[in-house]
Amino acid sequence: MLEISRTKVPTTDTLLTLIDQFSTLKYNQIQLYTEHTFAFSNHRQVWQDASPYTASDIINIRQYCEDRFIDLVPNLNSFGHFERWLRHPTYHHLAECPDGFIHPFGGKHISFGSTLKPNAASIKLLRELYDEYLPLFDSPYFNIGGDEPWELGQGFSKQAVAERGKHRVYLDHLRKLCALSTARDHTPQFWGDILLEDLALAQEAPAEAVPVVWGYDAGHPF
């Protein structure tokens, strides 16, 4: 997985050079971690200053990968880490906390949301994005993200979380995201950090979905 959303976006030439190196190392899967760096047709405001990849770029990158026996897996964070969309007033109505929230790391107030509301309006947006993005890929998988919905339960879903618990609210929305993926013939992958907090409830995750984990240190207990 390559970070292309929160640091510099690699040029296509740079990315192809990396793919050659990965091929030499016998990597067989690549994901481009994406929040706002794809040029979605109806959302120029989000990506116009972000050096995004276009549809033709993705097709060319995918073919380059396939020629080297590498699966280019679509990746689009679809629940948390949506701040690069939600910072724009056009999208505030989709935020769990449209006026911002206190970040759990450092206690700093962030003036815009980072987590999508777990509701029908968010699903409608993601359905549109998936319909444009996923046909560009041949992979059987799709990483829908879903990690670190920092402010879930602090705004729009506060009552639901109080009544049903954060993990239940999260899981119910995750199921809907996974259903969008499977309806488009992709096995969903999702970050497992939230469900790891409640392993009993994790048993209710969609059977076809693949939870994935991350770690930043050599000794991480994968």
Protein backbone atom coordinates (compact mmCIF):
# COMPACT_ATOMS: atom_id res chain seq x y z
CA MET A 1 0.00 0.00 0.00
CA LEU A 2 1.38 3.36 -1.05
CA GLU A 3 0.34 6.64 0.56
CA ILE A 4 -0.86 9.01 -2.18
CA SER A 5 -3.24 11.25 -0.21
CA ARG A 6 -1.45 12.73 2.80
CA THR A 7 1.97 13.31 1.28
CA LYS A 8 3.18 14.13 -2.22
CA VAL A 9 1.27 12.33 -4.97
CA PRO A 10 3.82 10.35 -7.02
CA THR A 11 3.97 11.22 -10.70
CA THR A 12 2.95 8.38 -12.98
CA ASP A 13 6.59 7.91 -14.04
CA THR A 14 7.68 7.62 -10.42
CA LEU A 15 4.90 5.16 -9.68
CA LEU A 16 5.81 2.95 -12.64
CA THR A 17 9.43 2.91 -11.48
CA LEU A 18 8.26 1.74 -8.06
CA ILE A 19 6.09 -0.94 -9.65
CA ASP A 20 9.15 -2.24 -11.51
CA GLN A 21 10.98 -2.48 -8.20
CA PHE A 22 8.04 -4.24 -6.54
CA SER A 23 7.90 -6.70 -9.41
CA THR A 24 11.57 -7.52 -8.91
CA LEU A 25 10.79 -8.17 -5.25
CA LYS A 26 7.90 -10.47 -6.29
CA TYR A 27 5.14 -8.31 -4.82
CA ASN A 28 1.80 -9.48 -6.18
CA GLN A 29 -0.59 -6.80 -4.89
CA ILE A 30 -0.46 -3.00 -4.79
CA GLN A 31 -2.96 -0.53 -3.32
CA LEU A 32 -2.87 3.24 -3.68
CA TYR A 33 -4.22 4.71 -0.45
CA THR A 34 -6.80 7.21 -1.70
CA GLU A 35 -8.88 9.85 0.04
CA HIS A 36 -9.21 12.69 -2.48
CA THR A 37 -6.52 12.11 -5.11
CA PHE A 38 -8.70 10.68 -7.86
CA ALA A 39 -10.36 13.04 -10.32
CA PHE A 40 -14.01 12.19 -9.72
CA SER A 41 -16.15 13.82 -12.41
CA ASN A 42 -18.58 15.65 -10.13
CA HIS A 43 -16.21 16.65 -7.34
CA ARG A 44 -13.53 18.93 -8.79
CA GLN A 45 -13.53 21.11 -5.68
CA VAL A 46 -12.13 18.24 -3.64
CA TRP A 47 -9.20 17.27 -5.90
CA GLN A 48 -8.43 20.33 -8.01
CA ASP A 49 -5.32 21.25 -6.00
CA ALA A 50 -4.24 17.69 -5.24
CA SER A 51 -2.48 16.45 -8.44
CA PRO A 52 -5.03 13.61 -8.76
CA TYR A 53 -4.84 10.52 -10.91
CA THR A 54 -7.34 10.44 -13.75
CA ALA A 55 -9.30 7.46 -15.02
CA SER A 56 -6.85 7.02 -17.90
CA ASP A 57 -3.95 7.13 -15.42
CA ILE A 58 -5.49 4.34 -13.37
CA ILE A 59 -6.13 2.21 -16.46
CA ASN A 60 -2.51 2.62 -17.57
CA ILE A 61 -1.18 1.87 -14.08
CA ARG A 62 -3.43 -1.18 -13.82
CA GLN A 63 -2.20 -2.54 -17.15
CA TYR A 64 1.41 -1.92 -16.14
CA CYS A 65 0.78 -3.90 -12.98
CA GLU A 66 -0.98 -6.72 -14.79
CA ASP A 67 1.92 -7.08 -17.22
CA ARG A 68 4.09 -7.74 -14.15
CA PHE A 69 1.62 -10.15 -12.49
CA ILE A 70 0.61 -7.60 -9.86
CA ASP A 71 -2.99 -7.03 -8.77
CA LEU A 72 -3.80 -3.30 -8.50
CA VAL A 73 -6.47 -3.27 -5.78
CA PRO A 74 -8.82 -0.27 -5.64
CA ASN A 75 -8.59 1.62 -2.36
CA LEU A 76 -10.87 4.45 -1.25
CA ASN A 77 -11.31 5.36 2.41
CA SER A 78 -15.06 5.46 2.89
CA PHE A 79 -15.97 6.27 6.50
CA GLY A 80 -13.26 7.95 8.56
CA HIS A 81 -10.37 9.97 7.13
CA PHE A 82 -12.79 11.86 4.92
CA GLU A 83 -11.53 15.25 6.10
CA ARG A 84 -10.22 16.29 2.71
CA TRP A 85 -13.80 16.21 1.50
CA LEU A 86 -15.55 17.43 4.63
CA ARG A 87 -13.39 20.54 5.03
CA HIS A 88 -15.33 22.05 2.09
CA PRO A 89 -18.68 23.68 2.99
CA THR A 90 -20.29 21.84 0.07
CA TYR A 91 -19.85 18.58 1.98
CA HIS A 92 -20.44 19.73 5.58
CA HIS A 93 -23.92 18.20 5.58
CA LEU A 94 -22.33 14.76 5.26
CA ALA A 95 -20.12 15.10 8.33
CA GLU A 96 -20.70 13.43 11.68
CA CYS A 97 -19.50 16.72 13.22
CA PRO A 98 -19.79 19.45 10.55
CA ASP A 99 -18.47 22.12 12.93
CA GLY A 100 -15.41 20.13 13.88
CA PHE A 101 -14.33 18.00 16.84
CA ILE A 102 -11.63 17.52 19.44
CA HIS A 103 -8.98 15.17 18.05
CA PRO A 104 -8.14 12.36 20.51
CA PHE A 105 -4.44 12.75 19.74
CA GLY A 106 -3.33 15.96 21.41
CA GLY A 107 -6.78 17.34 22.22
CA LYS A 108 -6.66 19.91 19.43
CA HIS A 109 -9.90 21.24 17.98
CA ILE A 110 -10.20 20.44 14.28
CA SER A 111 -12.48 22.95 12.60
CA PHE A 112 -14.08 20.47 10.18
CA GLY A 113 -15.17 16.85 10.37
CA SER A 114 -13.22 13.77 9.39
CA THR A 115 -15.94 11.10 9.58
CA LEU A 116 -18.94 10.62 7.33
CA LYS A 117 -22.38 10.38 8.90
CA PRO A 118 -23.48 6.73 8.99
CA ASN A 119 -26.64 7.49 7.03
CA ALA A 120 -28.32 7.20 3.64
CA ALA A 121 -26.83 10.43 2.29
CA SER A 122 -23.30 9.15 2.82
CA ILE A 123 -24.19 5.84 1.18
CA LYS A 124 -25.60 7.73 -1.80
CA LEU A 125 -22.34 9.65 -2.25
CA LEU A 126 -20.23 6.51 -1.94
CA ARG A 127 -22.44 4.63 -4.38
CA GLU A 128 -21.74 7.37 -6.92
CA LEU A 129 -17.99 7.30 -6.24
CA TYR A 130 -17.79 3.51 -6.42
CA ASP A 131 -19.70 3.44 -9.71
CA GLU A 132 -17.10 5.73 -11.27
CA TYR A 133 -14.00 4.31 -9.62
CA LEU A 134 -14.38 0.53 -9.45
CA PRO A 135 -14.91 -0.21 -13.17
CA LEU A 136 -11.33 0.97 -13.76
CA PHE A 137 -9.97 -2.07 -11.88
CA ASP A 138 -9.92 -5.80 -12.59
CA SER A 139 -9.03 -6.83 -9.05
CA PRO A 140 -11.47 -9.10 -7.17
CA TYR A 141 -10.86 -6.96 -4.05
CA PHE A 142 -11.69 -3.43 -2.90
CA ASN A 143 -10.33 -1.80 0.25
CA ILE A 144 -13.08 0.44 1.61
CA GLY A 145 -10.90 1.65 4.50
CA GLY A 146 -13.06 2.50 7.50
CA ASP A 147 -10.33 3.07 10.06
CA GLU A 148 -10.22 5.70 12.78
CA PRO A 149 -13.67 7.33 12.63
CA TRP A 150 -12.46 9.60 15.43
CA GLU A 151 -15.64 11.52 16.21
CA LEU A 152 -18.24 8.79 15.63
CA GLY A 153 -20.93 9.27 18.28
CA GLN A 154 -20.07 12.89 19.02
CA GLY A 155 -22.46 14.47 16.52
CA PHE A 156 -25.08 13.05 14.16
CA SER A 157 -24.92 9.54 15.63
CA LYS A 158 -24.67 10.55 19.30
CA GLN A 159 -28.10 9.19 20.24
CA ALA A 160 -27.63 5.98 18.26
CA VAL A 161 -24.27 5.36 19.91
CA ALA A 162 -25.75 6.07 23.35
CA GLU A 163 -28.53 3.56 22.70
CA ARG A 164 -26.68 0.84 20.77
CA GLY A 165 -22.98 1.43 21.38
CA LYS A 166 -20.28 2.75 19.08
CA HIS A 167 -19.24 -0.64 17.79
CA ARG A 168 -22.78 -1.64 16.83
CA VAL A 169 -23.37 1.64 14.98
CA TYR A 170 -20.02 1.20 13.24
CA LEU A 171 -20.73 -2.40 12.26
CA ASP A 172 -24.20 -1.67 10.92
CA HIS A 173 -22.77 1.02 8.60
CA LEU A 174 -19.81 -1.16 7.65
CA ARG A 175 -22.24 -3.81 6.43
CA LYS A 176 -23.79 -1.28 4.07
CA LEU A 177 -20.38 -0.29 2.70
CA CYS A 178 -19.47 -3.94 2.19
CA ALA A 179 -22.77 -4.53 0.41
CA LEU A 180 -21.93 -1.73 -2.05
CA SER A 181 -18.64 -3.47 -2.77
CA THR A 182 -20.03 -6.97 -3.22
CA ALA A 183 -22.83 -5.64 -5.43
CA ARG A 184 -20.05 -4.43 -7.74
CA ASP A 185 -18.32 -7.83 -7.74
CA HIS A 186 -15.49 -6.88 -5.38
CA THR A 187 -14.67 -8.66 -2.13
CA PRO A 188 -14.44 -5.86 0.46
CA GLN A 189 -11.39 -5.34 2.61
CA PHE A 190 -11.64 -3.04 5.63
CA TRP A 191 -9.35 -1.89 8.43
CA GLY A 192 -10.03 -4.00 11.51
CA ASP A 193 -9.08 -1.51 14.22
CA ILE A 194 -12.60 -0.70 15.42
CA LEU A 195 -13.89 -4.26 15.50
CA LEU A 196 -10.71 -5.42 17.28
CA GLU A 197 -12.05 -3.43 20.24
CA ASP A 198 -15.04 -5.79 20.49
CA LEU A 199 -14.16 -9.24 19.19
CA ALA A 200 -17.56 -10.70 20.10
CA LEU A 201 -19.30 -8.19 17.85
CA ALA A 202 -16.65 -8.67 15.17
CA GLN A 203 -18.09 -12.13 14.61
CA GLU A 204 -21.06 -10.38 13.00
CA ALA A 205 -18.99 -8.68 10.32
CA PRO A 206 -19.96 -9.71 6.76
CA ALA A 207 -18.58 -13.19 6.15
CA GLU A 208 -17.23 -12.25 2.73
CA ALA A 209 -15.30 -9.22 4.00
CA VAL A 210 -11.57 -9.33 4.74
CA PRO A 211 -10.39 -7.38 7.81
CA VAL A 212 -6.86 -6.04 7.49
CA VAL A 213 -4.46 -4.62 10.08
CA TRP A 214 -1.62 -2.13 10.02
CA GLY A 215 1.42 -1.54 12.15
CA TYR A 216 4.17 1.06 11.96
CA ASP A 217 6.88 -0.76 13.91
CA ALA A 218 8.98 -3.81 13.12
CA GLY A 219 7.70 -5.57 16.22
CA HIS A 220 3.99 -5.05 15.52
CA PRO A 221 2.07 -8.25 16.50
CA PHE A 222 0.42 -8.92 13.15
